[in-house]
């Protein structure tokens, strides 16, 4: 818990930071990592 709390505290200054099961990490890539590009495409349109 201490290591998780430290990482979350440090990264909170960079935006939203959530602890998740590892199986969610690839979903996060599809949703948010790549999702930024979907939003740029929508903004362009």
ModelCIF file with pLDDT and N, C-alpha, C, O atoms, coordinates in Angstrom:
data_MODEL
#
_entry.id   MODEL 
#
_entity.id                         1 
_entity.type                       polymer 
_entity.pdbx_number_of_molecules   1 
#
_entity_poly.entity_id                      1 
_entity_poly.type                           'polypeptide(L)' 
_entity_poly.nstd_linkage                   no 
_entity_poly.nstd_monomer                   no 
_entity_poly.pdbx_seq_one_letter_code       
;(UNK)(UNK)(UNK)(UNK)(UNK)(UNK)(UNK)(UNK)(UNK)(UNK)(UNK)(UNK)(UNK)(UNK)(UNK)(UNK)
(UNK)(UNK)(UNK)(UNK)(UNK)(UNK)(UNK)(UNK)(UNK)(UNK)(UNK)(UNK)(UNK)(UNK)(UNK)(UNK)
(UNK)(UNK)(UNK)(UNK)(UNK)(UNK)(UNK)(UNK)(UNK)(UNK)(UNK)(UNK)(UNK)
;
_entity_poly.pdbx_seq_one_letter_code_can   XXXXXXXXXXXXXXXXXXXXXXXXXXXXXXXXXXXXXXXXXXXXX 
_entity_poly.pdbx_strand_id                 A 
#
loop_
_entity_poly_seq.entity_id 
_entity_poly_seq.num 
_entity_poly_seq.mon_id 
_entity_poly_seq.hetero 
1 1  UNK n 
1 2  UNK n 
1 3  UNK n 
1 4  UNK n 
1 5  UNK n 
1 6  UNK n 
1 7  UNK n 
1 8  UNK n 
1 9  UNK n 
1 10 UNK n 
1 11 UNK n 
1 12 UNK n 
1 13 UNK n 
1 14 UNK n 
1 15 UNK n 
1 16 UNK n 
1 17 UNK n 
1 18 UNK n 
1 19 UNK n 
1 20 UNK n 
1 21 UNK n 
1 22 UNK n 
1 23 UNK n 
1 24 UNK n 
1 25 UNK n 
1 26 UNK n 
1 27 UNK n 
1 28 UNK n 
1 29 UNK n 
1 30 UNK n 
1 31 UNK n 
1 32 UNK n 
1 33 UNK n 
1 34 UNK n 
1 35 UNK n 
1 36 UNK n 
1 37 UNK n 
1 38 UNK n 
1 39 UNK n 
1 40 UNK n 
1 41 UNK n 
1 42 UNK n 
1 43 UNK n 
1 44 UNK n 
1 45 UNK n 
#
_struct_asym.id          A 
_struct_asym.entity_id   1 
#
loop_
_ma_qa_metric.id 
_ma_qa_metric.mode 
_ma_qa_metric.name 
_ma_qa_metric.software_group_id 
_ma_qa_metric.type 
1 global pLDDT . pLDDT 
2 local  pLDDT . pLDDT 
#
_ma_qa_metric_global.metric_id      1 
_ma_qa_metric_global.metric_value   96.00 
_ma_qa_metric_global.model_id       1 
_ma_qa_metric_global.ordinal_id     1 
#
loop_
_ma_qa_metric_local.label_asym_id 
_ma_qa_metric_local.label_comp_id 
_ma_qa_metric_local.label_seq_id 
_ma_qa_metric_local.metric_id 
_ma_qa_metric_local.metric_value 
_ma_qa_metric_local.model_id 
_ma_qa_metric_local.ordinal_id 
A UNK 1  2 97.00 1 1  
A UNK 2  2 97.00 1 2  
A UNK 3  2 97.00 1 3  
A UNK 4  2 97.00 1 4  
A UNK 5  2 97.00 1 5  
A UNK 6  2 96.00 1 6  
A UNK 7  2 96.00 1 7  
A UNK 8  2 96.00 1 8  
A UNK 9  2 95.00 1 9  
A UNK 10 2 95.00 1 10 
A UNK 11 2 94.00 1 11 
A UNK 12 2 93.00 1 12 
A UNK 13 2 92.00 1 13 
A UNK 14 2 93.00 1 14 
A UNK 15 2 95.00 1 15 
A UNK 16 2 96.00 1 16 
A UNK 17 2 96.00 1 17 
A UNK 18 2 96.00 1 18 
A UNK 19 2 97.00 1 19 
A UNK 20 2 98.00 1 20 
A UNK 21 2 97.00 1 21 
A UNK 22 2 96.00 1 22 
A UNK 23 2 94.00 1 23 
A UNK 24 2 96.00 1 24 
A UNK 25 2 96.00 1 25 
A UNK 26 2 94.00 1 26 
A UNK 27 2 96.00 1 27 
A UNK 28 2 96.00 1 28 
A UNK 29 2 94.00 1 29 
A UNK 30 2 95.00 1 30 
A UNK 31 2 97.00 1 31 
A UNK 32 2 96.00 1 32 
A UNK 33 2 94.00 1 33 
A UNK 34 2 95.00 1 34 
A UNK 35 2 96.00 1 35 
A UNK 36 2 97.00 1 36 
A UNK 37 2 97.00 1 37 
A UNK 38 2 98.00 1 38 
A UNK 39 2 97.00 1 39 
A UNK 40 2 97.00 1 40 
A UNK 41 2 98.00 1 41 
A UNK 42 2 97.00 1 42 
A UNK 43 2 98.00 1 43 
A UNK 44 2 98.00 1 44 
A UNK 45 2 98.00 1 45 
#
loop_
_atom_site.group_PDB 
_atom_site.id 
_atom_site.type_symbol 
_atom_site.label_atom_id 
_atom_site.label_alt_id 
_atom_site.label_comp_id 
_atom_site.label_asym_id 
_atom_site.label_entity_id 
_atom_site.label_seq_id 
_atom_site.pdbx_PDB_ins_code 
_atom_site.Cartn_x 
_atom_site.Cartn_y 
_atom_site.Cartn_z 
_atom_site.occupancy 
_atom_site.B_iso_or_equiv 
_atom_site.pdbx_formal_charge 
_atom_site.auth_seq_id 
_atom_site.auth_comp_id 
_atom_site.auth_asym_id 
_atom_site.auth_atom_id 
_atom_site.pdbx_PDB_model_num 
ATOM 1   N N  . UNK A 1 1  ? 0.826   -1.214 0.000   1.00 97.00 ? 1  UNK A N  1 
ATOM 2   C CA . UNK A 1 1  ? 0.000   0.000  0.000   1.00 97.00 ? 1  UNK A CA 1 
ATOM 3   C C  . UNK A 1 1  ? 0.855   1.257  0.000   1.00 97.00 ? 1  UNK A C  1 
ATOM 4   O O  . UNK A 1 1  ? 0.492   2.257  -0.619  1.00 97.00 ? 1  UNK A O  1 
ATOM 5   N N  . UNK A 1 2  ? 1.985   1.212  0.688   1.00 97.00 ? 2  UNK A N  1 
ATOM 6   C CA . UNK A 1 2  ? 2.845   2.392  0.769   1.00 97.00 ? 2  UNK A CA 1 
ATOM 7   C C  . UNK A 1 2  ? 3.406   2.790  -0.589  1.00 97.00 ? 2  UNK A C  1 
ATOM 8   O O  . UNK A 1 2  ? 3.437   3.970  -0.936  1.00 97.00 ? 2  UNK A O  1 
ATOM 9   N N  . UNK A 1 3  ? 3.846   1.804  -1.348  1.00 97.00 ? 3  UNK A N  1 
ATOM 10  C CA . UNK A 1 3  ? 4.394   2.085  -2.680  1.00 97.00 ? 3  UNK A CA 1 
ATOM 11  C C  . UNK A 1 3  ? 3.298   2.590  -3.614  1.00 97.00 ? 3  UNK A C  1 
ATOM 12  O O  . UNK A 1 3  ? 3.525   3.514  -4.394  1.00 97.00 ? 3  UNK A O  1 
ATOM 13  N N  . UNK A 1 4  ? 2.112   1.988  -3.539  1.00 97.00 ? 4  UNK A N  1 
ATOM 14  C CA . UNK A 1 4  ? 0.995   2.424  -4.387  1.00 97.00 ? 4  UNK A CA 1 
ATOM 15  C C  . UNK A 1 4  ? 0.587   3.857  -4.047  1.00 97.00 ? 4  UNK A C  1 
ATOM 16  O O  . UNK A 1 4  ? 0.329   4.665  -4.939  1.00 97.00 ? 4  UNK A O  1 
ATOM 17  N N  . UNK A 1 5  ? 0.532   4.163  -2.749  1.00 97.00 ? 5  UNK A N  1 
ATOM 18  C CA . UNK A 1 5  ? 0.154   5.512  -2.318  1.00 97.00 ? 5  UNK A CA 1 
ATOM 19  C C  . UNK A 1 5  ? 1.190   6.543  -2.748  1.00 97.00 ? 5  UNK A C  1 
ATOM 20  O O  . UNK A 1 5  ? 0.839   7.653  -3.149  1.00 97.00 ? 5  UNK A O  1 
ATOM 21  N N  . UNK A 1 6  ? 2.467   6.177  -2.664  1.00 96.00 ? 6  UNK A N  1 
ATOM 22  C CA . UNK A 1 6  ? 3.531   7.084  -3.089  1.00 96.00 ? 6  UNK A CA 1 
ATOM 23  C C  . UNK A 1 6  ? 3.406   7.408  -4.570  1.00 96.00 ? 6  UNK A C  1 
ATOM 24  O O  . UNK A 1 6  ? 3.467   8.573  -4.962  1.00 96.00 ? 6  UNK A O  1 
ATOM 25  N N  . UNK A 1 7  ? 3.232   6.381  -5.393  1.00 96.00 ? 7  UNK A N  1 
ATOM 26  C CA . UNK A 1 7  ? 3.133   6.595  -6.839  1.00 96.00 ? 7  UNK A CA 1 
ATOM 27  C C  . UNK A 1 7  ? 1.906   7.444  -7.172  1.00 96.00 ? 7  UNK A C  1 
ATOM 28  O O  . UNK A 1 7  ? 1.985   8.370  -7.979  1.00 96.00 ? 7  UNK A O  1 
ATOM 29  N N  . UNK A 1 8  ? 0.778   7.124  -6.548  1.00 96.00 ? 8  UNK A N  1 
ATOM 30  C CA . UNK A 1 8  ? -0.451  7.874  -6.834  1.00 96.00 ? 8  UNK A CA 1 
ATOM 31  C C  . UNK A 1 8  ? -0.317  9.326  -6.406  1.00 96.00 ? 8  UNK A C  1 
ATOM 32  O O  . UNK A 1 8  ? -0.797  10.224 -7.099  1.00 96.00 ? 8  UNK A O  1 
ATOM 33  N N  . UNK A 1 9  ? 0.327   9.565  -5.278  1.00 95.00 ? 9  UNK A N  1 
ATOM 34  C CA . UNK A 1 9  ? 0.523   10.930 -4.792  1.00 95.00 ? 9  UNK A CA 1 
ATOM 35  C C  . UNK A 1 9  ? 1.399   11.736 -5.743  1.00 95.00 ? 9  UNK A C  1 
ATOM 36  O O  . UNK A 1 9  ? 1.085   12.884 -6.058  1.00 95.00 ? 9  UNK A O  1 
ATOM 37  N N  . UNK A 1 10 ? 2.490   11.141 -6.199  1.00 95.00 ? 10 UNK A N  1 
ATOM 38  C CA . UNK A 1 10 ? 3.390   11.847 -7.103  1.00 95.00 ? 10 UNK A CA 1 
ATOM 39  C C  . UNK A 1 10 ? 2.722   12.150 -8.439  1.00 95.00 ? 10 UNK A C  1 
ATOM 40  O O  . UNK A 1 10 ? 2.886   13.238 -8.991  1.00 95.00 ? 10 UNK A O  1 
ATOM 41  N N  . UNK A 1 11 ? 1.967   11.181 -8.954  1.00 94.00 ? 11 UNK A N  1 
ATOM 42  C CA . UNK A 1 11 ? 1.410   11.340 -10.296 1.00 94.00 ? 11 UNK A CA 1 
ATOM 43  C C  . UNK A 1 11 ? 0.113   12.135 -10.323 1.00 94.00 ? 11 UNK A C  1 
ATOM 44  O O  . UNK A 1 11 ? -0.347  12.528 -11.395 1.00 94.00 ? 11 UNK A O  1 
ATOM 45  N N  . UNK A 1 12 ? -0.484  12.376 -9.161  1.00 93.00 ? 12 UNK A N  1 
ATOM 46  C CA . UNK A 1 12 ? -1.736  13.137 -9.136  1.00 93.00 ? 12 UNK A CA 1 
ATOM 47  C C  . UNK A 1 12 ? -1.556  14.545 -9.683  1.00 93.00 ? 12 UNK A C  1 
ATOM 48  O O  . UNK A 1 12 ? -2.521  15.160 -10.137 1.00 93.00 ? 12 UNK A O  1 
ATOM 49  N N  . UNK A 1 13 ? -0.320  15.066 -9.645  1.00 92.00 ? 13 UNK A N  1 
ATOM 50  C CA . UNK A 1 13 ? -0.073  16.391 -10.197 1.00 92.00 ? 13 UNK A CA 1 
ATOM 51  C C  . UNK A 1 13 ? -0.079  16.374 -11.727 1.00 92.00 ? 13 UNK A C  1 
ATOM 52  O O  . UNK A 1 13 ? -0.097  17.430 -12.359 1.00 92.00 ? 13 UNK A O  1 
ATOM 53  N N  . UNK A 1 14 ? -0.064  15.189 -12.317 1.00 93.00 ? 14 UNK A N  1 
ATOM 54  C CA . UNK A 1 14 ? -0.082  15.063 -13.781 1.00 93.00 ? 14 UNK A CA 1 
ATOM 55  C C  . UNK A 1 14 ? -1.470  14.752 -14.328 1.00 93.00 ? 14 UNK A C  1 
ATOM 56  O O  . UNK A 1 14 ? -1.642  14.613 -15.539 1.00 93.00 ? 14 UNK A O  1 
ATOM 57  N N  . UNK A 1 15 ? -2.463  14.641 -13.442 1.00 95.00 ? 15 UNK A N  1 
ATOM 58  C CA . UNK A 1 15 ? -3.823  14.356 -13.897 1.00 95.00 ? 15 UNK A CA 1 
ATOM 59  C C  . UNK A 1 15 ? -4.476  13.272 -13.061 1.00 95.00 ? 15 UNK A C  1 
ATOM 60  O O  . UNK A 1 15 ? -4.127  13.073 -11.897 1.00 95.00 ? 15 UNK A O  1 
ATOM 61  N N  . UNK A 1 16 ? -5.423  12.577 -13.661 1.00 96.00 ? 16 UNK A N  1 
ATOM 62  C CA . UNK A 1 16 ? -6.145  11.490 -12.999 1.00 96.00 ? 16 UNK A CA 1 
ATOM 63  C C  . UNK A 1 16 ? -5.258  10.255 -12.931 1.00 96.00 ? 16 UNK A C  1 
ATOM 64  O O  . UNK A 1 16 ? -4.672  9.848  -13.934 1.00 96.00 ? 16 UNK A O  1 
ATOM 65  N N  . UNK A 1 17 ? -5.162  9.662  -11.752 1.00 96.00 ? 17 UNK A N  1 
ATOM 66  C CA . UNK A 1 17 ? -4.325  8.472  -11.571 1.00 96.00 ? 17 UNK A CA 1 
ATOM 67  C C  . UNK A 1 17 ? -5.095  7.453  -10.751 1.00 96.00 ? 17 UNK A C  1 
ATOM 68  O O  . UNK A 1 17 ? -5.504  7.739  -9.625  1.00 96.00 ? 17 UNK A O  1 
ATOM 69  N N  . UNK A 1 18 ? -5.298  6.255  -11.312 1.00 96.00 ? 18 UNK A N  1 
ATOM 70  C CA . UNK A 1 18 ? -6.103  5.224  -10.654 1.00 96.00 ? 18 UNK A CA 1 
ATOM 71  C C  . UNK A 1 18 ? -5.339  3.904  -10.602 1.00 96.00 ? 18 UNK A C  1 
ATOM 72  O O  . UNK A 1 18 ? -4.667  3.528  -11.563 1.00 96.00 ? 18 UNK A O  1 
ATOM 73  N N  . UNK A 1 19 ? -5.446  3.200  -9.468  1.00 97.00 ? 19 UNK A N  1 
ATOM 74  C CA . UNK A 1 19 ? -4.910  1.845  -9.391  1.00 97.00 ? 19 UNK A CA 1 
ATOM 75  C C  . UNK A 1 19 ? -5.952  0.877  -9.929  1.00 97.00 ? 19 UNK A C  1 
ATOM 76  O O  . UNK A 1 19 ? -7.129  0.971  -9.579  1.00 97.00 ? 19 UNK A O  1 
ATOM 77  N N  . UNK A 1 20 ? -5.524  -0.062 -10.786 1.00 98.00 ? 20 UNK A N  1 
ATOM 78  C CA . UNK A 1 20 ? -6.445  -0.993 -11.427 1.00 98.00 ? 20 UNK A CA 1 
ATOM 79  C C  . UNK A 1 20 ? -5.829  -2.390 -11.476 1.00 98.00 ? 20 UNK A C  1 
ATOM 80  O O  . UNK A 1 20 ? -4.617  -2.534 -11.313 1.00 98.00 ? 20 UNK A O  1 
ATOM 81  N N  . UNK A 1 21 ? -6.649  -3.422 -11.698 1.00 97.00 ? 21 UNK A N  1 
ATOM 82  C CA . UNK A 1 21 ? -6.078  -4.744 -11.994 1.00 97.00 ? 21 UNK A CA 1 
ATOM 83  C C  . UNK A 1 21 ? -5.258  -4.668 -13.280 1.00 97.00 ? 21 UNK A C  1 
ATOM 84  O O  . UNK A 1 21 ? -5.573  -3.884 -14.175 1.00 97.00 ? 21 UNK A O  1 
ATOM 85  N N  . UNK A 1 22 ? -4.214  -5.478 -13.370 1.00 96.00 ? 22 UNK A N  1 
ATOM 86  C CA . UNK A 1 22 ? -3.335  -5.400 -14.546 1.00 96.00 ? 22 UNK A CA 1 
ATOM 87  C C  . UNK A 1 22 ? -4.082  -5.667 -15.845 1.00 96.00 ? 22 UNK A C  1 
ATOM 88  O O  . UNK A 1 22 ? -3.699  -5.155 -16.897 1.00 96.00 ? 22 UNK A O  1 
ATOM 89  N N  . UNK A 1 23 ? -5.146  -6.465 -15.782 1.00 94.00 ? 23 UNK A N  1 
ATOM 90  C CA . UNK A 1 23 ? -5.908  -6.777 -17.005 1.00 94.00 ? 23 UNK A CA 1 
ATOM 91  C C  . UNK A 1 23 ? -6.556  -5.539 -17.614 1.00 94.00 ? 23 UNK A C  1 
ATOM 92  O O  . UNK A 1 23 ? -6.944  -5.557 -18.782 1.00 94.00 ? 23 UNK A O  1 
ATOM 93  N N  . UNK A 1 24 ? -6.678  -4.458 -16.833 1.00 96.00 ? 24 UNK A N  1 
ATOM 94  C CA . UNK A 1 24 ? -7.281  -3.225 -17.355 1.00 96.00 ? 24 UNK A CA 1 
ATOM 95  C C  . UNK A 1 24 ? -6.274  -2.357 -18.127 1.00 96.00 ? 24 UNK A C  1 
ATOM 96  O O  . UNK A 1 24 ? -6.675  -1.427 -18.826 1.00 96.00 ? 24 UNK A O  1 
ATOM 97  N N  . UNK A 1 25 ? -4.987  -2.650 -18.008 1.00 96.00 ? 25 UNK A N  1 
ATOM 98  C CA . UNK A 1 25 ? -3.988  -1.739 -18.578 1.00 96.00 ? 25 UNK A CA 1 
ATOM 99  C C  . UNK A 1 25 ? -4.093  -1.674 -20.097 1.00 96.00 ? 25 UNK A C  1 
ATOM 100 O O  . UNK A 1 25 ? -4.015  -0.590 -20.674 1.00 96.00 ? 25 UNK A O  1 
ATOM 101 N N  . UNK A 1 26 ? -4.270  -2.824 -20.755 1.00 94.00 ? 26 UNK A N  1 
ATOM 102 C CA . UNK A 1 26 ? -4.425  -2.803 -22.213 1.00 94.00 ? 26 UNK A CA 1 
ATOM 103 C C  . UNK A 1 26 ? -5.730  -2.118 -22.619 1.00 94.00 ? 26 UNK A C  1 
ATOM 104 O O  . UNK A 1 26 ? -5.792  -1.474 -23.666 1.00 94.00 ? 26 UNK A O  1 
ATOM 105 N N  . UNK A 1 27 ? -6.767  -2.256 -21.798 1.00 96.00 ? 27 UNK A N  1 
ATOM 106 C CA . UNK A 1 27 ? -8.028  -1.554 -22.084 1.00 96.00 ? 27 UNK A CA 1 
ATOM 107 C C  . UNK A 1 27 ? -7.816  -0.052 -21.969 1.00 96.00 ? 27 UNK A C  1 
ATOM 108 O O  . UNK A 1 27 ? -8.330  0.718  -22.780 1.00 96.00 ? 27 UNK A O  1 
ATOM 109 N N  . UNK A 1 28 ? -7.059  0.361  -20.960 1.00 96.00 ? 28 UNK A N  1 
ATOM 110 C CA . UNK A 1 28 ? -6.738  1.784  -20.806 1.00 96.00 ? 28 UNK A CA 1 
ATOM 111 C C  . UNK A 1 28 ? -5.994  2.307  -22.033 1.00 96.00 ? 28 UNK A C  1 
ATOM 112 O O  . UNK A 1 28 ? -6.219  3.439  -22.461 1.00 96.00 ? 28 UNK A O  1 
ATOM 113 N N  . UNK A 1 29 ? -5.120  1.495  -22.592 1.00 94.00 ? 29 UNK A N  1 
ATOM 114 C CA . UNK A 1 29 ? -4.410  1.894  -23.805 1.00 94.00 ? 29 UNK A CA 1 
ATOM 115 C C  . UNK A 1 29 ? -5.395  2.166  -24.935 1.00 94.00 ? 29 UNK A C  1 
ATOM 116 O O  . UNK A 1 29 ? -5.268  3.163  -25.646 1.00 94.00 ? 29 UNK A O  1 
ATOM 117 N N  . UNK A 1 30 ? -6.377  1.282  -25.102 1.00 95.00 ? 30 UNK A N  1 
ATOM 118 C CA . UNK A 1 30 ? -7.381  1.468  -26.144 1.00 95.00 ? 30 UNK A CA 1 
ATOM 119 C C  . UNK A 1 30 ? -8.328  2.611  -25.872 1.00 95.00 ? 30 UNK A C  1 
ATOM 120 O O  . UNK A 1 30 ? -8.785  3.281  -26.798 1.00 95.00 ? 30 UNK A O  1 
ATOM 121 N N  . UNK A 1 31 ? -8.627  2.841  -24.597 1.00 97.00 ? 31 UNK A N  1 
ATOM 122 C CA . UNK A 1 31 ? -9.567  3.885  -24.208 1.00 97.00 ? 31 UNK A CA 1 
ATOM 123 C C  . UNK A 1 31 ? -8.934  5.263  -24.163 1.00 97.00 ? 31 UNK A C  1 
ATOM 124 O O  . UNK A 1 31 ? -9.491  6.227  -24.689 1.00 97.00 ? 31 UNK A O  1 
ATOM 125 N N  . UNK A 1 32 ? -7.770  5.356  -23.535 1.00 96.00 ? 32 UNK A N  1 
ATOM 126 C CA . UNK A 1 32 ? -7.198  6.667  -23.235 1.00 96.00 ? 32 UNK A CA 1 
ATOM 127 C C  . UNK A 1 32 ? -5.864  6.926  -23.915 1.00 96.00 ? 32 UNK A C  1 
ATOM 128 O O  . UNK A 1 32 ? -5.637  8.014  -24.443 1.00 96.00 ? 32 UNK A O  1 
ATOM 129 N N  . UNK A 1 33 ? -4.976  5.929  -23.907 1.00 94.00 ? 33 UNK A N  1 
ATOM 130 C CA . UNK A 1 33 ? -3.685  6.114  -24.563 1.00 94.00 ? 33 UNK A CA 1 
ATOM 131 C C  . UNK A 1 33 ? -3.868  6.433  -26.041 1.00 94.00 ? 33 UNK A C  1 
ATOM 132 O O  . UNK A 1 33 ? -3.363  7.440  -26.536 1.00 94.00 ? 33 UNK A O  1 
ATOM 133 N N  . UNK A 1 34 ? -4.592  5.568  -26.736 1.00 95.00 ? 34 UNK A N  1 
ATOM 134 C CA . UNK A 1 34 ? -4.922  5.814  -28.143 1.00 95.00 ? 34 UNK A CA 1 
ATOM 135 C C  . UNK A 1 34 ? -6.117  6.752  -28.266 1.00 95.00 ? 34 UNK A C  1 
ATOM 136 O O  . UNK A 1 34 ? -6.267  7.443  -29.273 1.00 95.00 ? 34 UNK A O  1 
ATOM 137 N N  . UNK A 1 35 ? -6.962  6.776  -27.248 1.00 96.00 ? 35 UNK A N  1 
ATOM 138 C CA . UNK A 1 35 ? -8.200  7.564  -27.304 1.00 96.00 ? 35 UNK A CA 1 
ATOM 139 C C  . UNK A 1 35 ? -7.983  9.046  -27.507 1.00 96.00 ? 35 UNK A C  1 
ATOM 140 O O  . UNK A 1 35 ? -8.845  9.737  -28.048 1.00 96.00 ? 35 UNK A O  1 
ATOM 141 N N  . UNK A 1 36 ? -6.830  9.542  -27.073 1.00 97.00 ? 36 UNK A N  1 
ATOM 142 C CA . UNK A 1 36 ? -6.512  10.949 -27.307 1.00 97.00 ? 36 UNK A CA 1 
ATOM 143 C C  . UNK A 1 36 ? -6.592  11.262 -28.805 1.00 97.00 ? 36 UNK A C  1 
ATOM 144 O O  . UNK A 1 36 ? -7.087  12.317 -29.202 1.00 97.00 ? 36 UNK A O  1 
ATOM 145 N N  . UNK A 1 37 ? -6.100  10.335 -29.624 1.00 97.00 ? 37 UNK A N  1 
ATOM 146 C CA . UNK A 1 37 ? -6.129  10.549 -31.077 1.00 97.00 ? 37 UNK A CA 1 
ATOM 147 C C  . UNK A 1 37 ? -7.558  10.553 -31.610 1.00 97.00 ? 37 UNK A C  1 
ATOM 148 O O  . UNK A 1 37 ? -7.868  11.299 -32.540 1.00 97.00 ? 37 UNK A O  1 
ATOM 149 N N  . UNK A 1 38 ? -8.437  9.724  -31.030 1.00 98.00 ? 38 UNK A N  1 
ATOM 150 C CA . UNK A 1 38 ? -9.832  9.737  -31.487 1.00 98.00 ? 38 UNK A CA 1 
ATOM 151 C C  . UNK A 1 38 ? -10.452 11.112 -31.219 1.00 98.00 ? 38 UNK A C  1 
ATOM 152 O O  . UNK A 1 38 ? -11.198 11.643 -32.041 1.00 98.00 ? 38 UNK A O  1 
ATOM 153 N N  . UNK A 1 39 ? -10.128 11.670 -30.059 1.00 97.00 ? 39 UNK A N  1 
ATOM 154 C CA . UNK A 1 39 ? -10.685 12.968 -29.687 1.00 97.00 ? 39 UNK A CA 1 
ATOM 155 C C  . UNK A 1 39 ? -10.161 14.060 -30.619 1.00 97.00 ? 39 UNK A C  1 
ATOM 156 O O  . UNK A 1 39 ? -10.906 14.960 -31.007 1.00 97.00 ? 39 UNK A O  1 
ATOM 157 N N  . UNK A 1 40 ? -8.872  13.977 -30.978 1.00 97.00 ? 40 UNK A N  1 
ATOM 158 C CA . UNK A 1 40 ? -8.325  14.966 -31.912 1.00 97.00 ? 40 UNK A CA 1 
ATOM 159 C C  . UNK A 1 40 ? -9.033  14.880 -33.259 1.00 97.00 ? 40 UNK A C  1 
ATOM 160 O O  . UNK A 1 40 ? -9.305  15.900 -33.893 1.00 97.00 ? 40 UNK A O  1 
ATOM 161 N N  . UNK A 1 41 ? -9.327  13.657 -33.692 1.00 98.00 ? 41 UNK A N  1 
ATOM 162 C CA . UNK A 1 41 ? -10.033 13.481 -34.962 1.00 98.00 ? 41 UNK A CA 1 
ATOM 163 C C  . UNK A 1 41 ? -11.432 14.089 -34.881 1.00 98.00 ? 41 UNK A C  1 
ATOM 164 O O  . UNK A 1 41 ? -11.883 14.747 -35.819 1.00 98.00 ? 41 UNK A O  1 
ATOM 165 N N  . UNK A 1 42 ? -12.113 13.865 -33.760 1.00 97.00 ? 42 UNK A N  1 
ATOM 166 C CA . UNK A 1 42 ? -13.452 14.422 -33.571 1.00 97.00 ? 42 UNK A CA 1 
ATOM 167 C C  . UNK A 1 42 ? -13.394 15.949 -33.501 1.00 97.00 ? 42 UNK A C  1 
ATOM 168 O O  . UNK A 1 42 ? -14.247 16.634 -34.065 1.00 97.00 ? 42 UNK A O  1 
ATOM 169 N N  . UNK A 1 43 ? -12.385 16.477 -32.807 1.00 98.00 ? 43 UNK A N  1 
ATOM 170 C CA . UNK A 1 43 ? -12.228 17.934 -32.718 1.00 98.00 ? 43 UNK A CA 1 
ATOM 171 C C  . UNK A 1 43 ? -11.983 18.537 -34.099 1.00 98.00 ? 43 UNK A C  1 
ATOM 172 O O  . UNK A 1 43 ? -12.512 19.598 -34.429 1.00 98.00 ? 43 UNK A O  1 
ATOM 173 N N  . UNK A 1 44 ? -11.172 17.845 -34.900 1.00 98.00 ? 44 UNK A N  1 
ATOM 174 C CA . UNK A 1 44 ? -10.900 18.311 -36.266 1.00 98.00 ? 44 UNK A CA 1 
ATOM 175 C C  . UNK A 1 44 ? -12.187 18.342 -37.085 1.00 98.00 ? 44 UNK A C  1 
ATOM 176 O O  . UNK A 1 44 ? -12.449 19.292 -37.824 1.00 98.00 ? 44 UNK A O  1 
ATOM 177 N N  . UNK A 1 45 ? -12.992 17.273 -36.938 1.00 98.00 ? 45 UNK A N  1 
ATOM 178 C CA . UNK A 1 45 ? -14.252 17.211 -37.682 1.00 98.00 ? 45 UNK A CA 1 
ATOM 179 C C  . UNK A 1 45 ? -15.225 18.305 -37.222 1.00 98.00 ? 45 UNK A C  1 
ATOM 180 O O  . UNK A 1 45 ? -16.336 18.400 -37.743 1.00 98.00 ? 45 UNK A O  1 
#
